[in-house]
Amino acid sequence: MTTWGSVKARRLLATLEQIGWTVTRQSGSHRTLARSGWANFVFAFHDDEEIGPKMLARIAKKTGLKPEDL
């Protein structure tokens, strides 16, 4: 059983920014995020897109996101 729910991409991006990620460049809906100590992460979702539990878990592995951050 997963502890992740679903969330809109807009909310996820705001949460990533709150935990220290910054948008370094953008091309359309593709945003490159950077955070000290982590590899750059490409956030490629439209703002109103719903992101499900499996994708959130994958994003969490690359960004350090935790369920309680949402």
PDB file of N, CA and C in Angstrom:
ATOM      1  N   MET A   1       0.841  -1.185   0.000  1.00  0.00           N
ATOM      2  CA  MET A   1       0.000   0.000   0.000  1.00  0.00           C
ATOM      3  C   MET A   1       0.882   1.243   0.000  1.00  0.00           C
ATOM      4  N   THR A   2       0.493   2.223  -0.768  1.00  0.00           N
ATOM      5  CA  THR A   2       1.284   3.438  -0.905  1.00  0.00           C
ATOM      6  C   THR A   2       0.754   4.553  -0.013  1.00  0.00           C
ATOM      7  N   THR A   3       1.646   5.440   0.385  1.00  0.00           N
ATOM      8  CA  THR A   3       1.232   6.585   1.198  1.00  0.00           C
ATOM      9  C   THR A   3       1.027   7.816   0.329  1.00  0.00           C
ATOM     10  N   TRP A   4       1.252   7.666  -0.971  1.00  0.00           N
ATOM     11  CA  TRP A   4       1.097   8.777  -1.904  1.00  0.00           C
ATOM     12  C   TRP A   4      -0.332   8.824  -2.424  1.00  0.00           C
ATOM     13  N   GLY A   5      -0.879  10.005  -2.564  1.00  0.00           N
ATOM     14  CA  GLY A   5      -2.185  10.189  -3.191  1.00  0.00           C
ATOM     15  C   GLY A   5      -1.984  10.749  -4.585  1.00  0.00           C
ATOM     16  N   SER A   6      -2.912  11.554  -5.034  1.00  0.00           N
ATOM     17  CA  SER A   6      -2.780  12.255  -6.314  1.00  0.00           C
ATOM     18  C   SER A   6      -2.715  13.747  -6.033  1.00  0.00           C
ATOM     19  N   VAL A   7      -2.030  14.458  -6.906  1.00  0.00           N
ATOM     20  CA  VAL A   7      -1.884  15.894  -6.708  1.00  0.00           C
ATOM     21  C   VAL A   7      -1.744  16.566  -8.071  1.00  0.00           C
ATOM     22  N   LYS A   8      -2.177  17.805  -8.156  1.00  0.00           N
ATOM     23  CA  LYS A   8      -2.006  18.586  -9.388  1.00  0.00           C
ATOM     24  C   LYS A   8      -0.536  18.991  -9.511  1.00  0.00           C
ATOM     25  N   ALA A   9      -0.070  19.074 -10.740  1.00  0.00           N
ATOM     26  CA  ALA A   9       1.326  19.417 -11.006  1.00  0.00           C
ATOM     27  C   ALA A   9       1.684  20.787 -10.436  1.00  0.00           C
ATOM     28  N   ARG A  10       0.777  21.725 -10.483  1.00  0.00           N
ATOM     29  CA  ARG A  10       1.008  23.073  -9.955  1.00  0.00           C
ATOM     30  C   ARG A  10       1.362  23.006  -8.468  1.00  0.00           C
ATOM     31  N   ARG A  11       0.618  22.196  -7.720  1.00  0.00           N
ATOM     32  CA  ARG A  11       0.854  22.054  -6.279  1.00  0.00           C
ATOM     33  C   ARG A  11       2.176  21.336  -6.013  1.00  0.00           C
ATOM     34  N   LEU A  12       2.477  20.322  -6.814  1.00  0.00           N
ATOM     35  CA  LEU A  12       3.723  19.582  -6.653  1.00  0.00           C
ATOM     36  C   LEU A  12       4.919  20.499  -6.896  1.00  0.00           C
ATOM     37  N   LEU A  13       4.874  21.313  -7.929  1.00  0.00           N
ATOM     38  CA  LEU A  13       5.962  22.233  -8.221  1.00  0.00           C
ATOM     39  C   LEU A  13       6.151  23.227  -7.073  1.00  0.00           C
ATOM     40  N   ALA A  14       5.066  23.743  -6.540  1.00  0.00           N
ATOM     41  CA  ALA A  14       5.151  24.675  -5.408  1.00  0.00           C
ATOM     42  C   ALA A  14       5.779  23.992  -4.197  1.00  0.00           C
ATOM     43  N   THR A  15       5.431  22.742  -3.964  1.00  0.00           N
ATOM     44  CA  THR A  15       5.994  21.989  -2.849  1.00  0.00           C
ATOM     45  C   THR A  15       7.483  21.750  -3.042  1.00  0.00           C
ATOM     46  N   LEU A  16       7.892  21.402  -4.265  1.00  0.00           N
ATOM     47  CA  LEU A  16       9.309  21.199  -4.545  1.00  0.00           C
ATOM     48  C   LEU A  16      10.093  22.489  -4.306  1.00  0.00           C
ATOM     49  N   GLU A  17       9.507  23.618  -4.670  1.00  0.00           N
ATOM     50  CA  GLU A  17      10.172  24.903  -4.427  1.00  0.00           C
ATOM     51  C   GLU A  17      10.283  25.188  -2.931  1.00  0.00           C
ATOM     52  N   GLN A  18       9.295  24.772  -2.150  1.00  0.00           N
ATOM     53  CA  GLN A  18       9.331  24.980  -0.710  1.00  0.00           C
ATOM     54  C   GLN A  18      10.421  24.151  -0.035  1.00  0.00           C
ATOM     55  N   ILE A  19      10.746  22.979  -0.593  1.00  0.00           N
ATOM     56  CA  ILE A  19      11.781  22.148   0.028  1.00  0.00           C
ATOM     57  C   ILE A  19      13.171  22.425  -0.547  1.00  0.00           C
ATOM     58  N   GLY A  20      13.300  23.474  -1.353  1.00  0.00           N
ATOM     59  CA  GLY A  20      14.617  23.917  -1.768  1.00  0.00           C
ATOM     60  C   GLY A  20      14.952  23.846  -3.247  1.00  0.00           C
ATOM     61  N   TRP A  21      14.052  23.355  -4.082  1.00  0.00           N
ATOM     62  CA  TRP A  21      14.304  23.281  -5.522  1.00  0.00           C
ATOM     63  C   TRP A  21      14.004  24.635  -6.147  1.00  0.00           C
ATOM     64  N   THR A  22      14.793  25.013  -7.157  1.00  0.00           N
ATOM     65  CA  THR A  22      14.538  26.249  -7.891  1.00  0.00           C
ATOM     66  C   THR A  22      14.498  25.952  -9.377  1.00  0.00           C
ATOM     67  N   VAL A  23      13.671  26.680 -10.104  1.00  0.00           N
ATOM     68  CA  VAL A  23      13.574  26.528 -11.551  1.00  0.00           C
ATOM     69  C   VAL A  23      14.741  27.296 -12.162  1.00  0.00           C
ATOM     70  N   THR A  24      15.619  26.568 -12.870  1.00  0.00           N
ATOM     71  CA  THR A  24      16.779  27.216 -13.476  1.00  0.00           C
ATOM     72  C   THR A  24      16.528  27.580 -14.931  1.00  0.00           C
ATOM     73  N   ARG A  25      15.673  26.832 -15.602  1.00  0.00           N
ATOM     74  CA  ARG A  25      15.301  27.189 -16.980  1.00  0.00           C
ATOM     75  C   ARG A  25      13.967  26.540 -17.309  1.00  0.00           C
ATOM     76  N   GLN A  26      13.302  27.090 -18.323  1.00  0.00           N
ATOM     77  CA  GLN A  26      12.007  26.576 -18.750  1.00  0.00           C
ATOM     78  C   GLN A  26      11.892  26.669 -20.261  1.00  0.00           C
ATOM     79  N   SER A  27      11.343  25.614 -20.862  1.00  0.00           N
ATOM     80  CA  SER A  27      11.056  25.589 -22.288  1.00  0.00           C
ATOM     81  C   SER A  27       9.684  24.952 -22.442  1.00  0.00           C
ATOM     82  N   GLY A  28       8.665  25.771 -22.638  1.00  0.00           N
ATOM     83  CA  GLY A  28       7.297  25.264 -22.678  1.00  0.00           C
ATOM     84  C   GLY A  28       6.896  24.782 -21.297  1.00  0.00           C
ATOM     85  N   SER A  29       6.434  23.533 -21.208  1.00  0.00           N
ATOM     86  CA  SER A  29       6.031  22.985 -19.913  1.00  0.00           C
ATOM     87  C   SER A  29       7.174  22.220 -19.248  1.00  0.00           C
ATOM     88  N   HIS A  30       8.339  22.169 -19.884  1.00  0.00           N
ATOM     89  CA  HIS A  30       9.501  21.482 -19.309  1.00  0.00           C
ATOM     90  C   HIS A  30      10.315  22.476 -18.482  1.00  0.00           C
ATOM     91  N   ARG A  31      10.425  22.195 -17.196  1.00  0.00           N
ATOM     92  CA  ARG A  31      11.200  23.047 -16.302  1.00  0.00           C
ATOM     93  C   ARG A  31      12.366  22.238 -15.746  1.00  0.00           C
ATOM     94  N   THR A  32      13.545  22.818 -15.741  1.00  0.00           N
ATOM     95  CA  THR A  32      14.701  22.179 -15.136  1.00  0.00           C
ATOM     96  C   THR A  32      14.854  22.751 -13.738  1.00  0.00           C
ATOM     97  N   LEU A  33      14.829  21.860 -12.736  1.00  0.00           N
ATOM     98  CA  LEU A  33      14.944  22.260 -11.338  1.00  0.00           C
ATOM     99  C   LEU A  33      16.324  21.897 -10.821  1.00  0.00           C
ATOM    100  N   ALA A  34      16.857  22.708  -9.928  1.00  0.00           N
ATOM    101  CA  ALA A  34      18.163  22.450  -9.337  1.00  0.00           C
ATOM    102  C   ALA A  34      18.069  22.616  -7.822  1.00  0.00           C
ATOM    103  N   ARG A  35      18.888  21.815  -7.118  1.00  0.00           N
ATOM    104  CA  ARG A  35      18.984  21.893  -5.659  1.00  0.00           C
ATOM    105  C   ARG A  35      20.380  21.430  -5.276  1.00  0.00           C
ATOM    106  N   SER A  36      20.993  22.128  -4.381  1.00  0.00           N
ATOM    107  CA  SER A  36      22.340  21.793  -3.947  1.00  0.00           C
ATOM    108  C   SER A  36      22.381  20.366  -3.389  1.00  0.00           C
ATOM    109  N   GLY A  37      23.341  19.576  -3.867  1.00  0.00           N
ATOM    110  CA  GLY A  37      23.499  18.204  -3.398  1.00  0.00           C
ATOM    111  C   GLY A  37      22.696  17.180  -4.170  1.00  0.00           C
ATOM    112  N   TRP A  38      21.908  17.603  -5.135  1.00  0.00           N
ATOM    113  CA  TRP A  38      21.055  16.719  -5.923  1.00  0.00           C
ATOM    114  C   TRP A  38      21.332  16.939  -7.406  1.00  0.00           C
ATOM    115  N   ALA A  39      21.089  15.913  -8.205  1.00  0.00           N
ATOM    116  CA  ALA A  39      21.175  16.057  -9.654  1.00  0.00           C
ATOM    117  C   ALA A  39      19.989  16.898 -10.137  1.00  0.00           C
ATOM    118  N   ASN A  40      20.177  17.634 -11.224  1.00  0.00           N
ATOM    119  CA  ASN A  40      19.074  18.410 -11.796  1.00  0.00           C
ATOM    120  C   ASN A  40      17.913  17.491 -12.126  1.00  0.00           C
ATOM    121  N   PHE A  41      16.705  18.026 -12.028  1.00  0.00           N
ATOM    122  CA  PHE A  41      15.486  17.256 -12.271  1.00  0.00           C
ATOM    123  C   PHE A  41      14.633  17.995 -13.289  1.00  0.00           C
ATOM    124  N   VAL A  42      14.187  17.297 -14.321  1.00  0.00           N
ATOM    125  CA  VAL A  42      13.318  17.898 -15.334  1.00  0.00           C
ATOM    126  C   VAL A  42      11.870  17.629 -14.958  1.00  0.00           C
ATOM    127  N   PHE A  43      11.139  18.696 -14.720  1.00  0.00           N
ATOM    128  CA  PHE A  43       9.724  18.638 -14.358  1.00  0.00           C
ATOM    129  C   PHE A  43       8.941  18.915 -15.632  1.00  0.00           C
ATOM    130  N   ALA A  44       8.325  17.880 -16.207  1.00  0.00           N
ATOM    131  CA  ALA A  44       7.696  17.990 -17.530  1.00  0.00           C
ATOM    132  C   ALA A  44       6.192  17.746 -17.477  1.00  0.00           C
ATOM    133  N   PHE A  45       5.498  18.536 -16.676  1.00  0.00           N
ATOM    134  CA  PHE A  45       4.050  18.383 -16.531  1.00  0.00           C
ATOM    135  C   PHE A  45       3.368  19.725 -16.734  1.00  0.00           C
ATOM    136  N   HIS A  46       2.165  19.692 -17.286  1.00  0.00           N
ATOM    137  CA  HIS A  46       1.341  20.888 -17.389  1.00  0.00           C
ATOM    138  C   HIS A  46       0.734  21.166 -16.019  1.00  0.00           C
ATOM    139  N   ASP A  47       0.478  22.436 -15.705  1.00  0.00           N
ATOM    140  CA  ASP A  47       0.015  22.834 -14.379  1.00  0.00           C
ATOM    141  C   ASP A  47      -1.236  22.104 -13.907  1.00  0.00           C
ATOM    142  N   ASP A  48      -2.200  21.870 -14.789  1.00  0.00           N
ATOM    143  CA  ASP A  48      -3.465  21.244 -14.379  1.00  0.00           C
ATOM    144  C   ASP A  48      -3.446  19.724 -14.459  1.00  0.00           C
ATOM    145  N   GLU A  49      -2.317  19.147 -14.831  1.00  0.00           N
ATOM    146  CA  GLU A  49      -2.207  17.695 -14.956  1.00  0.00           C
ATOM    147  C   GLU A  49      -2.218  17.045 -13.569  1.00  0.00           C
ATOM    148  N   GLU A  50      -2.950  15.939 -13.452  1.00  0.00           N
ATOM    149  CA  GLU A  50      -3.033  15.179 -12.206  1.00  0.00           C
ATOM    150  C   GLU A  50      -1.901  14.156 -12.190  1.00  0.00           C
ATOM    151  N   ILE A  51      -1.117  14.166 -11.117  1.00  0.00           N
ATOM    152  CA  ILE A  51       0.002  13.232 -10.987  1.00  0.00           C
ATOM    153  C   ILE A  51      -0.372  12.191  -9.942  1.00  0.00           C
ATOM    154  N   GLY A  52      -0.317  10.923 -10.345  1.00  0.00           N
ATOM    155  CA  GLY A  52      -0.749   9.824  -9.496  1.00  0.00           C
ATOM    156  C   GLY A  52       0.335   9.307  -8.565  1.00  0.00           C
ATOM    157  N   PRO A  53      -0.022   8.338  -7.723  1.00  0.00           N
ATOM    158  CA  PRO A  53       0.884   7.811  -6.702  1.00  0.00           C
ATOM    159  C   PRO A  53       2.180   7.204  -7.247  1.00  0.00           C
ATOM    160  N   LYS A  54       2.108   6.454  -8.328  1.00  0.00           N
ATOM    161  CA  LYS A  54       3.320   5.823  -8.864  1.00  0.00           C
ATOM    162  C   LYS A  54       4.310   6.873  -9.357  1.00  0.00           C
ATOM    163  N   MET A  55       3.830   7.870 -10.061  1.00  0.00           N
ATOM    164  CA  MET A  55       4.713   8.917 -10.557  1.00  0.00           C
ATOM    165  C   MET A  55       5.255   9.751  -9.400  1.00  0.00           C
ATOM    166  N   LEU A  56       4.441  10.013  -8.383  1.00  0.00           N
ATOM    167  CA  LEU A  56       4.920  10.752  -7.220  1.00  0.00           C
ATOM    168  C   LEU A  56       6.046   9.995  -6.522  1.00  0.00           C
ATOM    169  N   ALA A  57       5.925   8.680  -6.422  1.00  0.00           N
ATOM    170  CA  ALA A  57       6.975   7.873  -5.797  1.00  0.00           C
ATOM    171  C   ALA A  57       8.272   7.961  -6.602  1.00  0.00           C
ATOM    172  N   ARG A  58       8.167   7.954  -7.916  1.00  0.00           N
ATOM    173  CA  ARG A  58       9.359   8.075  -8.770  1.00  0.00           C
ATOM    174  C   ARG A  58      10.005   9.447  -8.609  1.00  0.00           C
ATOM    175  N   ILE A  59       9.176  10.478  -8.562  1.00  0.00           N
ATOM    176  CA  ILE A  59       9.680  11.838  -8.387  1.00  0.00           C
ATOM    177  C   ILE A  59      10.352  11.969  -7.026  1.00  0.00           C
ATOM    178  N   ALA A  60       9.768  11.358  -6.008  1.00  0.00           N
ATOM    179  CA  ALA A  60      10.306  11.439  -4.654  1.00  0.00           C
ATOM    180  C   ALA A  60      11.714  10.865  -4.565  1.00  0.00           C
ATOM    181  N   LYS A  61      11.975   9.780  -5.283  1.00  0.00           N
ATOM    182  CA  LYS A  61      13.308   9.169  -5.262  1.00  0.00           C
ATOM    183  C   LYS A  61      14.367  10.117  -5.813  1.00  0.00           C
ATOM    184  N   LYS A  62      13.990  10.943  -6.772  1.00  0.00           N
ATOM    185  CA  LYS A  62      14.946  11.840  -7.426  1.00  0.00           C
ATOM    186  C   LYS A  62      15.025  13.218  -6.778  1.00  0.00           C
ATOM    187  N   THR A  63      14.041  13.563  -5.931  1.00  0.00           N
ATOM    188  CA  THR A  63      13.990  14.912  -5.390  1.00  0.00           C
ATOM    189  C   THR A  63      14.019  14.991  -3.864  1.00  0.00           C
ATOM    190  N   GLY A  64      13.839  13.881  -3.173  1.00  0.00           N
ATOM    191  CA  GLY A  64      13.801  13.909  -1.719  1.00  0.00           C
ATOM    192  C   GLY A  64      12.444  14.307  -1.154  1.00  0.00           C
ATOM    193  N   LEU A  65      11.431  14.317  -1.989  1.00  0.00           N
ATOM    194  CA  LEU A  65      10.069  14.643  -1.572  1.00  0.00           C
ATOM    195  C   LEU A  65       9.531  13.568  -0.643  1.00  0.00           C
ATOM    196  N   LYS A  66       8.779  13.985   0.383  1.00  0.00           N
ATOM    197  CA  LYS A  66       8.152  13.052   1.319  1.00  0.00           C
ATOM    198  C   LYS A  66       6.645  13.268   1.306  1.00  0.00           C
ATOM    199  N   PRO A  67       5.849  12.239   1.592  1.00  0.00           N
ATOM    200  CA  PRO A  67       4.390  12.403   1.582  1.00  0.00           C
ATOM    201  C   PRO A  67       3.906  13.531   2.494  1.00  0.00           C
ATOM    202  N   GLU A  68       4.569  13.736   3.620  1.00  0.00           N
ATOM    203  CA  GLU A  68       4.126  14.793   4.534  1.00  0.00           C
ATOM    204  C   GLU A  68       4.425  16.198   4.005  1.00  0.00           C
ATOM    205  N   ASP A  69       5.290  16.307   2.984  1.00  0.00           N
ATOM    206  CA  ASP A  69       5.553  17.611   2.369  1.00  0.00           C
ATOM    207  C   ASP A  69       4.336  18.119   1.593  1.00  0.00           C
ATOM    208  N   LEU A  70       3.541  17.190   1.074  1.00  0.00           N
ATOM    209  CA  LEU A  70       2.358  17.585   0.309  1.00  0.00           C
ATOM    210  C   LEU A  70       1.271  17.900   1.284  1.00  0.00           C
TER     211      LEU A  70
END
